[in-house]
Amino acid sequence: MGTDNLLPPLRCEITRDLGVLRTRVRDHAAVAGLSGTRLDDLVVTVNEAAANVIEHGDGAAGVLARRAADGVWGRGGRGRRNADR
C-alpha cells in the first residue's frame, strides 16, 4: 500500500467563513505534495468557486479533494450529500 492511500480525502462544507476553507484546502494540498505557485493557485481557485456559491447560489455545497497521481483532485458538489461522497 502506497502513501497515497494514507491521506484521507478532504470533505468540507462551504460556509461564509472562507478563511477556514482556504486553510483546510491549503493544509490538505500541502500534505498531498503541492507547494509554491501550484498550491497558491489551488487555494485561490477553490476560494473563488466557493465565493461564487455563496454569492450566486444558495450556499448549500461542499468541496471534496483527494490526492491524485499528478497532484490534488477536487470537485464541488451541491449539498452535503454530494460533498460527502
C-alpha atoms as a PDB file:
ATOM      1  CA  MET A   1       0.000   0.000   0.000  1.00  0.00           C
ATOM      2  CA  GLY A   2       1.473   3.375  -1.023  1.00  0.00           C
ATOM      3  CA  THR A   3       1.363   6.562   0.999  1.00  0.00           C
ATOM      4  CA  ASP A   4      -1.340   7.925  -1.336  1.00  0.00           C
ATOM      5  CA  ASN A   5      -3.804   5.624   0.411  1.00  0.00           C
ATOM      6  CA  LEU A   6      -2.904   7.003   3.846  1.00  0.00           C
ATOM      7  CA  LEU A   7      -4.181  10.513   3.156  1.00  0.00           C
ATOM      8  CA  PRO A   8      -7.966  10.594   3.521  1.00  0.00           C
ATOM      9  CA  PRO A   9      -9.968  12.870   1.231  1.00  0.00           C
ATOM     10  CA  LEU A  10     -10.801  16.371   2.412  1.00  0.00           C
ATOM     11  CA  ARG A  11     -14.533  16.951   2.762  1.00  0.00           C
ATOM     12  CA  CYS A  12     -15.508  20.473   3.655  1.00  0.00           C
ATOM     13  CA  GLU A  13     -18.792  22.343   3.659  1.00  0.00           C
ATOM     14  CA  ILE A  14     -18.787  25.789   2.066  1.00  0.00           C
ATOM     15  CA  THR A  15     -19.708  28.429   4.634  1.00  0.00           C
ATOM     16  CA  ARG A  16     -19.366  32.205   4.762  1.00  0.00           C
ATOM     17  CA  ASP A  17     -16.100  31.723   6.675  1.00  0.00           C
ATOM     18  CA  LEU A  18     -13.932  31.188   3.605  1.00  0.00           C
ATOM     19  CA  GLY A  19     -10.785  31.506   5.709  1.00  0.00           C
ATOM     20  CA  VAL A  20     -11.488  28.106   7.234  1.00  0.00           C
ATOM     21  CA  LEU A  21     -11.972  26.595   3.776  1.00  0.00           C
ATOM     22  CA  ARG A  22      -8.742  28.157   2.466  1.00  0.00           C
ATOM     23  CA  THR A  23      -6.772  26.865   5.458  1.00  0.00           C
ATOM     24  CA  ARG A  24      -8.177  23.346   5.184  1.00  0.00           C
ATOM     25  CA  VAL A  25      -7.541  23.203   1.416  1.00  0.00           C
ATOM     26  CA  ARG A  26      -4.010  24.624   1.795  1.00  0.00           C
ATOM     27  CA  ASP A  27      -3.100  22.192   4.588  1.00  0.00           C
ATOM     28  CA  HIS A  28      -4.533  19.181   2.756  1.00  0.00           C
ATOM     29  CA  ALA A  29      -2.862  20.039  -0.551  1.00  0.00           C
ATOM     30  CA  ALA A  30       0.489  20.699   1.144  1.00  0.00           C
ATOM     31  CA  VAL A  31       0.406  17.272   2.804  1.00  0.00           C
ATOM     32  CA  ALA A  32      -0.501  15.807  -0.603  1.00  0.00           C
ATOM     33  CA  GLY A  33       2.669  17.334  -2.036  1.00  0.00           C
ATOM     34  CA  LEU A  34       1.659  20.627  -3.646  1.00  0.00           C
ATOM     35  CA  SER A  35       3.771  23.692  -2.980  1.00  0.00           C
ATOM     36  CA  GLY A  36       4.602  27.101  -4.330  1.00  0.00           C
ATOM     37  CA  THR A  37       2.543  28.560  -7.154  1.00  0.00           C
ATOM     38  CA  ARG A  38       0.534  25.374  -7.726  1.00  0.00           C
ATOM     39  CA  LEU A  39      -0.563  25.376  -4.090  1.00  0.00           C
ATOM     40  CA  ASP A  40      -1.413  29.083  -4.158  1.00  0.00           C
ATOM     41  CA  ASP A  41      -3.351  28.699  -7.426  1.00  0.00           C
ATOM     42  CA  LEU A  42      -5.390  25.832  -5.986  1.00  0.00           C
ATOM     43  CA  VAL A  43      -6.316  27.797  -2.868  1.00  0.00           C
ATOM     44  CA  VAL A  44      -7.329  30.859  -4.912  1.00  0.00           C
ATOM     45  CA  THR A  45      -9.383  28.720  -7.319  1.00  0.00           C
ATOM     46  CA  VAL A  46     -11.270  26.952  -4.537  1.00  0.00           C
ATOM     47  CA  ASN A  47     -11.856  30.260  -2.751  1.00  0.00           C
ATOM     48  CA  GLU A  48     -13.285  31.883  -5.893  1.00  0.00           C
ATOM     49  CA  ALA A  49     -15.562  28.932  -6.609  1.00  0.00           C
ATOM     50  CA  ALA A  50     -16.809  28.918  -3.013  1.00  0.00           C
ATOM     51  CA  ALA A  51     -17.388  32.678  -3.072  1.00  0.00           C
ATOM     52  CA  ASN A  52     -19.498  32.220  -6.216  1.00  0.00           C
ATOM     53  CA  VAL A  53     -21.559  29.536  -4.486  1.00  0.00           C
ATOM     54  CA  ILE A  54     -22.228  31.934  -1.613  1.00  0.00           C
ATOM     55  CA  GLU A  55     -22.907  34.967  -3.812  1.00  0.00           C
ATOM     56  CA  HIS A  56     -24.883  33.404  -6.652  1.00  0.00           C
ATOM     57  CA  GLY A  57     -26.232  30.138  -5.248  1.00  0.00           C
ATOM     58  CA  ASP A  58     -27.991  29.066  -2.128  1.00  0.00           C
ATOM     59  CA  GLY A  59     -24.716  28.292  -0.343  1.00  0.00           C
ATOM     60  CA  ALA A  60     -25.529  24.595   0.008  1.00  0.00           C
ATOM     61  CA  ALA A  61     -22.382  22.982  -1.362  1.00  0.00           C
ATOM     62  CA  GLY A  62     -19.149  21.387  -0.345  1.00  0.00           C
ATOM     63  CA  VAL A  63     -15.653  20.612  -1.523  1.00  0.00           C
ATOM     64  CA  LEU A  64     -14.130  17.174  -1.956  1.00  0.00           C
ATOM     65  CA  ALA A  65     -10.387  16.944  -2.576  1.00  0.00           C
ATOM     66  CA  ARG A  66      -8.072  13.966  -2.665  1.00  0.00           C
ATOM     67  CA  ARG A  67      -4.558  13.197  -3.734  1.00  0.00           C
ATOM     68  CA  ALA A  68      -4.145  12.056  -7.328  1.00  0.00           C
ATOM     69  CA  ALA A  69      -1.119  10.766  -9.203  1.00  0.00           C
ATOM     70  CA  ASP A  70      -0.441  14.211 -10.672  1.00  0.00           C
ATOM     71  CA  GLY A  71      -1.355  16.415  -7.706  1.00  0.00           C
ATOM     72  CA  VAL A  72      -4.653  17.091  -5.983  1.00  0.00           C
ATOM     73  CA  TRP A  73      -8.030  16.251  -7.488  1.00  0.00           C
ATOM     74  CA  GLY A  74     -11.104  18.109  -6.365  1.00  0.00           C
ATOM     75  CA  ARG A  75     -14.726  18.755  -7.069  1.00  0.00           C
ATOM     76  CA  GLY A  76     -17.522  20.843  -5.730  1.00  0.00           C
ATOM     77  CA  GLY A  77     -20.883  19.381  -5.002  1.00  0.00           C
ATOM     78  CA  ARG A  78     -24.299  20.695  -4.215  1.00  0.00           C
ATOM     79  CA  GLY A  79     -25.447  19.957  -0.714  1.00  0.00           C
ATOM     80  CA  ARG A  80     -23.815  17.850   1.957  1.00  0.00           C
ATOM     81  CA  ARG A  81     -24.844  14.612   0.266  1.00  0.00           C
ATOM     82  CA  ASN A  82     -22.598  15.242  -2.743  1.00  0.00           C
ATOM     83  CA  ALA A  83     -19.754  16.696  -0.687  1.00  0.00           C
ATOM     84  CA  ASP A  84     -19.520  13.503   1.381  1.00  0.00           C
ATOM     85  CA  ARG A  85     -19.144  11.048  -1.483  1.00  0.00           C
END
